[in-house]
Amino acid sequence: MFIRLALLIVLVFSAFAGSSLADVKSILVITWRGQTAAEEGFMSKLEELGVDAKYEFFDADRDQDKLAGFLRENQERLKSKDLIYTFGTTTALTTQNFDFGGVPHVFNIVTDPVAVGIAESLDSPGRGSTGAKLSLPPDVMLDLLEQIYPFEKIAILFDPREPNAVSEVDQLTAITRATGKQPIRLRFTPDAAEKEIQIASLAKQIMDADIVFVASTSSFIVNSHLLKMIIPPEMVSVSSSSAYLGDEITLAFGTEYRERGEAVAILAADILLNNASPNDIPIDEIAAPGTTIFINKNSPAARKLDLTNATNKIVYK
């Protein structure tokens, strides 16, 4: 009798353990330049939502060929994953080039997923992916900027190698021209051999503008120390990403990276817990009323801002 009871306990425990293991989700996290607060928010929120997950991490180290090589070499193995998370436009686009047998994909920190071809639309993304936008639409961002710092000429600094930045700049260019303002497009590849020549030329050209917009570009974030060699400290500079805030950029519109990670986690939980299709889950956008104006408290140009007209929350960093 004792032996039968002991055997029954073992069988029940084994069945329970097998069920528990089956509930653990396997998630691949692909980053572009190391883990950020976005990934911290993603994993923390998933746990809070009741998702028990085991993570595999791969960092592309800003090398698209390295990323493609990893995905190609592990394509069959990765088909067993329950979810793939990617940070940034390049990682999302590269991941979508491979067939992972229907494994759902969530992307994060993407400025305009529709314009760059990651999604078919914001409401119905398609392509087996959904995710969160990084920034406000350019027209909304410029309206908010106009409230606190009117301008006529805007220099737009971007890295032409990054599709996310090119899309953002194209939209900004069209909007500023449509409103009678003058855009000045300035290309900068900060890790090129001739960067000193670029910096000298850009520093002269930028003086013709009233304000500088720095496009959302990972190469700029990594080389942010070079921006202050181009942008005068007394000139107001703005970006759609709070990651730029430091000694170089005056202000940014949007949300914290961690909040974007939490937003993606909510979408991922719907996929993992409710078997929802990413094709049908609308992309998470940042609403204009809920956006934050991040101001660099150390920027000499910050005192030029007329914050009495600001209608959004202001955070000094």
Protein backbone atom coordinates (compact mmCIF):
# COMPACT_ATOMS: atom_id res chain seq x y z
CA MET A 1 0.00 0.00 0.00
CA PHE A 2 2.80 2.39 0.94
CA ILE A 3 4.67 1.58 -2.28
CA ARG A 4 1.54 2.22 -4.38
CA LEU A 5 0.91 5.53 -2.58
CA ALA A 6 4.53 6.60 -3.08
CA LEU A 7 4.33 5.65 -6.77
CA LEU A 8 1.08 7.62 -7.16
CA ILE A 9 2.71 10.70 -5.57
CA VAL A 10 5.67 10.41 -7.92
CA LEU A 11 3.41 10.11 -10.97
CA VAL A 12 1.27 13.09 -9.95
CA PHE A 13 4.38 15.20 -9.24
CA SER A 14 5.90 14.20 -12.58
CA ALA A 15 2.73 15.13 -14.44
CA PHE A 16 2.56 18.47 -12.62
CA ALA A 17 6.22 19.18 -13.31
CA GLY A 18 5.77 18.33 -16.99
CA SER A 19 2.78 20.66 -17.22
CA SER A 20 4.72 23.43 -15.46
CA LEU A 21 7.66 23.05 -17.84
CA ALA A 22 5.31 23.16 -20.80
CA ASP A 23 4.03 26.54 -19.60
CA VAL A 24 7.50 28.11 -19.66
CA LYS A 25 7.75 30.22 -22.81
CA SER A 26 10.97 30.32 -24.80
CA ILE A 27 11.74 33.85 -26.01
CA LEU A 28 14.60 35.09 -28.17
CA VAL A 29 15.62 38.69 -27.44
CA ILE A 30 17.62 40.36 -30.22
CA THR A 31 19.29 43.67 -29.41
CA TRP A 32 21.20 46.06 -31.67
CA ARG A 33 23.61 47.74 -29.26
CA GLY A 34 23.30 45.82 -26.01
CA GLN A 35 20.43 45.51 -23.57
CA THR A 36 18.61 48.72 -22.66
CA ALA A 37 15.85 49.84 -20.33
CA ALA A 38 13.40 48.74 -23.04
CA GLU A 39 14.32 45.08 -22.53
CA GLU A 40 14.27 45.47 -18.75
CA GLY A 41 10.73 46.85 -18.97
CA PHE A 42 9.70 44.11 -21.39
CA MET A 43 10.84 41.22 -19.19
CA SER A 44 9.63 42.78 -15.95
CA LYS A 45 6.16 43.49 -17.33
CA LEU A 46 5.84 40.01 -18.85
CA GLU A 47 6.53 38.48 -15.45
CA GLU A 48 3.99 40.81 -13.86
CA LEU A 49 1.42 39.71 -16.44
CA GLY A 50 1.95 36.07 -15.51
CA VAL A 51 4.22 34.91 -18.31
CA ASP A 52 6.86 32.44 -17.13
CA ALA A 53 9.67 32.76 -19.66
CA LYS A 54 13.15 31.50 -20.42
CA TYR A 55 15.19 33.97 -22.46
CA GLU A 56 17.93 33.58 -25.03
CA PHE A 57 19.82 36.78 -25.86
CA PHE A 58 21.67 37.80 -28.99
CA ASP A 59 23.29 41.21 -29.50
CA ALA A 60 24.06 42.23 -33.09
CA ASP A 61 26.61 44.82 -31.92
CA ARG A 62 25.36 47.14 -34.68
CA ASP A 63 26.41 44.62 -37.35
CA GLN A 64 23.64 43.54 -39.73
CA ASP A 65 25.81 40.82 -41.30
CA LYS A 66 26.48 39.35 -37.86
CA LEU A 67 22.76 39.31 -37.12
CA ALA A 68 21.86 37.74 -40.45
CA GLY A 69 24.54 35.09 -39.92
CA PHE A 70 23.16 34.17 -36.51
CA LEU A 71 19.59 33.92 -37.82
CA ARG A 72 20.67 31.86 -40.85
CA GLU A 73 22.79 29.41 -38.84
CA ASN A 74 20.09 28.92 -36.19
CA GLN A 75 17.00 29.13 -38.38
CA GLU A 76 15.75 25.59 -37.72
CA ARG A 77 16.47 25.76 -33.98
CA LEU A 78 14.71 29.10 -33.61
CA LYS A 79 11.49 27.64 -35.02
CA SER A 80 10.94 26.10 -31.59
CA LYS A 81 10.75 29.53 -29.93
CA ASP A 82 7.44 30.85 -28.68
CA LEU A 83 8.30 34.46 -29.45
CA ILE A 84 11.03 36.64 -30.98
CA TYR A 85 11.59 40.18 -29.64
CA THR A 86 13.69 42.68 -31.59
CA PHE A 87 15.06 46.13 -30.72
CA GLY A 88 15.25 48.69 -33.53
CA THR A 89 14.36 48.94 -37.18
CA THR A 90 17.32 47.04 -38.64
CA THR A 91 16.87 44.03 -36.35
CA ALA A 92 13.15 43.87 -37.16
CA LEU A 93 13.67 44.09 -40.92
CA THR A 94 16.48 41.52 -40.87
CA THR A 95 14.45 39.10 -38.75
CA GLN A 96 11.51 39.33 -41.13
CA ASN A 97 13.75 38.16 -43.97
CA PHE A 98 13.85 34.67 -42.45
CA ASP A 99 11.19 31.97 -42.15
CA PHE A 100 10.80 30.81 -38.56
CA GLY A 101 7.77 28.64 -39.13
CA GLY A 102 5.18 31.07 -37.84
CA VAL A 103 6.96 32.07 -34.62
CA PRO A 104 5.36 35.41 -33.64
CA HIS A 105 7.58 38.49 -33.66
CA VAL A 106 7.28 41.67 -31.58
CA PHE A 107 9.41 44.72 -32.35
CA ASN A 108 10.33 47.72 -30.23
CA ILE A 109 11.99 51.15 -30.65
CA VAL A 110 10.87 51.61 -34.26
CA THR A 111 10.00 55.14 -35.39
CA ASP A 112 7.75 54.31 -38.35
CA PRO A 113 7.15 50.58 -38.94
CA VAL A 114 4.77 51.15 -41.86
CA ALA A 115 7.03 53.53 -43.80
CA VAL A 116 10.05 51.21 -43.59
CA GLY A 117 8.03 48.09 -44.51
CA ILE A 118 7.95 46.24 -41.18
CA ALA A 119 4.15 46.48 -40.98
CA GLU A 120 1.36 46.76 -43.53
CA SER A 121 -0.63 49.17 -41.35
CA LEU A 122 -0.79 50.32 -37.74
CA ASP A 123 -4.15 48.62 -37.11
CA SER A 124 -3.38 45.34 -38.91
CA PRO A 125 0.41 44.93 -39.01
CA GLY A 126 0.52 41.60 -40.87
CA ARG A 127 3.83 39.83 -41.66
CA GLY A 128 3.59 37.88 -38.38
CA SER A 129 4.70 40.92 -36.38
CA THR A 130 3.42 43.66 -34.11
CA GLY A 131 5.10 46.02 -31.69
CA ALA A 132 5.50 49.56 -30.40
CA LYS A 133 6.40 52.80 -32.11
CA LEU A 134 9.18 54.88 -30.60
CA SER A 135 7.95 58.35 -31.39
CA LEU A 136 5.11 60.67 -32.28
CA PRO A 137 4.22 61.39 -35.90
CA PRO A 138 6.52 64.18 -37.19
CA ASP A 139 3.66 66.67 -37.71
CA VAL A 140 2.51 66.28 -34.11
CA MET A 141 6.06 66.61 -32.83
CA LEU A 142 6.66 69.80 -34.81
CA ASP A 143 3.38 71.27 -33.54
CA LEU A 144 4.49 70.65 -29.95
CA LEU A 145 7.89 72.15 -30.73
CA GLU A 146 6.33 75.25 -32.30
CA GLN A 147 4.43 75.87 -29.06
CA ILE A 148 7.60 76.29 -27.04
CA TYR A 149 10.13 77.42 -29.65
CA PRO A 150 8.91 78.94 -32.96
CA PHE A 151 11.30 78.48 -35.88
CA GLU A 152 11.62 79.02 -39.64
CA LYS A 153 14.71 77.01 -40.63
CA ILE A 154 15.32 73.53 -39.25
CA ALA A 155 18.51 71.53 -39.81
CA ILE A 156 17.83 67.78 -39.86
CA LEU A 157 20.85 65.67 -38.96
CA PHE A 158 20.69 62.00 -39.94
CA ASP A 159 22.68 58.90 -40.87
CA PRO A 160 21.64 57.94 -44.44
CA ARG A 161 22.54 54.28 -43.83
CA GLU A 162 19.70 53.72 -41.36
CA PRO A 163 16.21 53.28 -42.90
CA ASN A 164 14.53 54.43 -39.69
CA ALA A 165 16.33 57.78 -39.88
CA VAL A 166 15.74 58.24 -43.62
CA SER A 167 12.00 57.64 -43.20
CA GLU A 168 11.81 60.12 -40.33
CA VAL A 169 13.76 62.76 -42.27
CA ASP A 170 11.65 62.33 -45.42
CA GLN A 171 8.48 62.96 -43.43
CA LEU A 172 9.94 65.93 -41.58
CA THR A 173 11.15 67.43 -44.86
CA ALA A 174 7.70 67.14 -46.46
CA ILE A 175 5.89 68.55 -43.43
CA THR A 176 8.19 71.53 -42.93
CA ARG A 177 7.96 72.47 -46.61
CA ALA A 178 4.17 72.14 -46.56
CA THR A 179 4.00 74.59 -43.64
CA GLY A 180 6.24 77.14 -45.33
CA LYS A 181 9.36 76.36 -43.29
CA GLN A 182 12.78 75.53 -44.67
CA PRO A 183 14.39 72.13 -43.98
CA ILE A 184 18.16 71.71 -44.28
CA ARG A 185 19.05 68.02 -44.66
CA LEU A 186 22.48 67.19 -43.23
CA ARG A 187 23.99 63.71 -43.70
CA PHE A 188 26.43 62.42 -41.08
CA THR A 189 28.11 59.00 -40.81
CA PRO A 190 29.84 59.28 -37.41
CA ASP A 191 31.89 56.09 -37.65
CA ALA A 192 33.34 56.86 -41.09
CA ALA A 193 37.06 57.38 -41.56
CA GLU A 194 36.59 61.00 -42.69
CA LYS A 195 34.32 62.01 -39.81
CA GLU A 196 36.54 65.00 -38.89
CA ILE A 197 35.96 66.49 -42.35
CA GLN A 198 32.22 65.84 -42.02
CA ILE A 199 32.09 67.49 -38.60
CA ALA A 200 33.87 70.63 -39.80
CA SER A 201 31.53 70.98 -42.77
CA LEU A 202 28.35 70.27 -40.79
CA ALA A 203 29.30 72.72 -38.03
CA LYS A 204 29.33 75.51 -40.65
CA GLN A 205 26.12 74.47 -42.40
CA ILE A 206 24.16 74.13 -39.18
CA MET A 207 24.67 77.80 -38.35
CA ASP A 208 22.12 78.70 -41.05
CA ALA A 209 19.33 77.03 -39.07
CA ASP A 210 17.18 78.23 -36.17
CA ILE A 211 16.94 74.77 -34.67
CA VAL A 212 18.43 71.29 -35.12
CA PHE A 213 16.50 68.04 -35.29
CA VAL A 214 18.57 64.91 -34.64
CA ALA A 215 17.00 61.86 -36.29
CA SER A 216 16.53 58.67 -34.30
CA THR A 217 19.74 56.86 -35.22
CA SER A 218 21.58 54.25 -33.16
CA SER A 219 24.92 55.30 -34.65
CA PHE A 220 24.38 58.80 -33.22
CA ILE A 221 23.52 57.45 -29.78
CA VAL A 222 26.71 55.40 -29.70
CA ASN A 223 28.73 58.42 -30.91
CA SER A 224 26.75 61.12 -29.11
CA HIS A 225 29.95 62.84 -27.97
CA LEU A 226 30.48 63.93 -31.59
CA LEU A 227 27.18 65.80 -31.74
CA LYS A 228 28.41 68.60 -29.51
CA MET A 229 31.24 69.16 -31.98
CA ILE A 230 28.58 69.97 -34.59
CA ILE A 231 25.76 71.61 -32.62
CA PRO A 232 26.57 74.90 -30.79
CA PRO A 233 25.59 74.72 -27.09
CA GLU A 234 23.35 77.80 -27.45
CA MET A 235 21.35 76.30 -30.35
CA VAL A 236 18.12 74.49 -29.50
CA SER A 237 18.30 70.85 -30.59
CA VAL A 238 15.50 68.30 -30.48
CA SER A 239 14.95 64.58 -31.07
CA SER A 240 12.17 62.02 -30.99
CA SER A 241 14.20 59.82 -28.62
CA SER A 242 14.93 60.55 -24.96
CA ALA A 243 18.02 58.34 -25.28
CA TYR A 244 19.84 61.36 -26.75
CA LEU A 245 19.44 63.56 -23.69
CA GLY A 246 22.80 64.50 -22.30
CA ASP A 247 25.14 67.38 -22.93
CA GLU A 248 24.32 67.36 -26.64
CA ILE A 249 20.52 67.54 -27.11
CA THR A 250 18.21 70.18 -25.59
CA LEU A 251 14.89 68.35 -25.57
CA ALA A 252 13.02 65.29 -26.79
CA PHE A 253 9.38 64.28 -27.19
CA GLY A 254 8.11 60.81 -26.33
CA THR A 255 8.35 58.28 -23.52
CA GLU A 256 11.06 56.43 -21.64
CA TYR A 257 12.57 53.30 -23.20
CA ARG A 258 11.31 51.26 -20.25
CA GLU A 259 7.73 52.33 -20.94
CA ARG A 260 8.07 51.19 -24.56
CA GLY A 261 9.29 47.82 -23.31
CA GLU A 262 6.28 47.50 -21.04
CA ALA A 263 3.95 48.39 -23.93
CA VAL A 264 5.45 45.60 -26.06
CA ALA A 265 5.12 43.16 -23.16
CA ILE A 266 1.36 43.72 -23.07
CA LEU A 267 1.16 42.79 -26.76
CA ALA A 268 3.42 39.78 -26.22
CA ALA A 269 1.35 38.53 -23.30
CA ASP A 270 -1.76 38.56 -25.48
CA ILE A 271 0.11 36.39 -27.98
CA LEU A 272 1.62 33.99 -25.43
CA LEU A 273 -1.33 33.62 -23.08
CA ASN A 274 -4.32 34.06 -25.42
CA ASN A 275 -2.88 32.71 -28.69
CA ALA A 276 -3.65 36.05 -30.33
CA SER A 277 -2.18 36.57 -33.80
CA PRO A 278 0.34 39.43 -34.07
CA ASN A 279 -1.14 40.17 -37.50
CA ASP A 280 -4.32 41.41 -35.82
CA ILE A 281 -2.85 43.25 -32.81
CA PRO A 282 -2.60 47.02 -33.50
CA ILE A 283 0.82 48.60 -33.12
CA ASP A 284 1.14 50.57 -29.89
CA GLU A 285 1.43 54.30 -30.61
CA ILE A 286 2.36 57.23 -28.39
CA ALA A 287 -0.63 59.56 -27.99
CA ALA A 288 0.09 63.28 -28.28
CA PRO A 289 -1.67 64.22 -24.99
CA GLY A 290 0.25 61.52 -23.14
CA THR A 291 3.64 62.41 -24.52
CA THR A 292 6.35 63.83 -22.28
CA ILE A 293 8.64 66.78 -23.03
CA PHE A 294 12.07 65.74 -21.78
CA ILE A 295 14.41 68.68 -21.21
CA ASN A 296 18.14 68.49 -20.66
CA LYS A 297 18.62 70.57 -17.52
CA ASN A 298 22.32 71.05 -18.36
CA SER A 299 21.72 72.46 -21.84
CA PRO A 300 22.46 76.20 -22.16
CA ALA A 301 19.84 76.36 -24.93
CA ALA A 302 17.06 75.13 -22.62
CA ARG A 303 16.53 78.63 -21.23
CA LYS A 304 15.36 79.75 -24.69
CA LEU A 305 12.27 77.53 -24.48
CA ASP A 306 8.97 79.20 -23.64
CA LEU A 307 7.49 76.52 -21.43
CA THR A 308 4.53 78.67 -20.38
CA ASN A 309 2.81 77.51 -23.58
CA ALA A 310 3.55 73.82 -23.08
CA THR A 311 0.47 71.64 -22.67
CA ASN A 312 2.31 68.38 -22.01
CA LYS A 313 4.08 66.97 -18.98
CA ILE A 314 7.66 68.27 -18.59
CA VAL A 315 10.47 66.18 -17.15
CA TYR A 316 13.99 67.50 -16.57
CA LYS A 317 16.81 65.00 -17.05
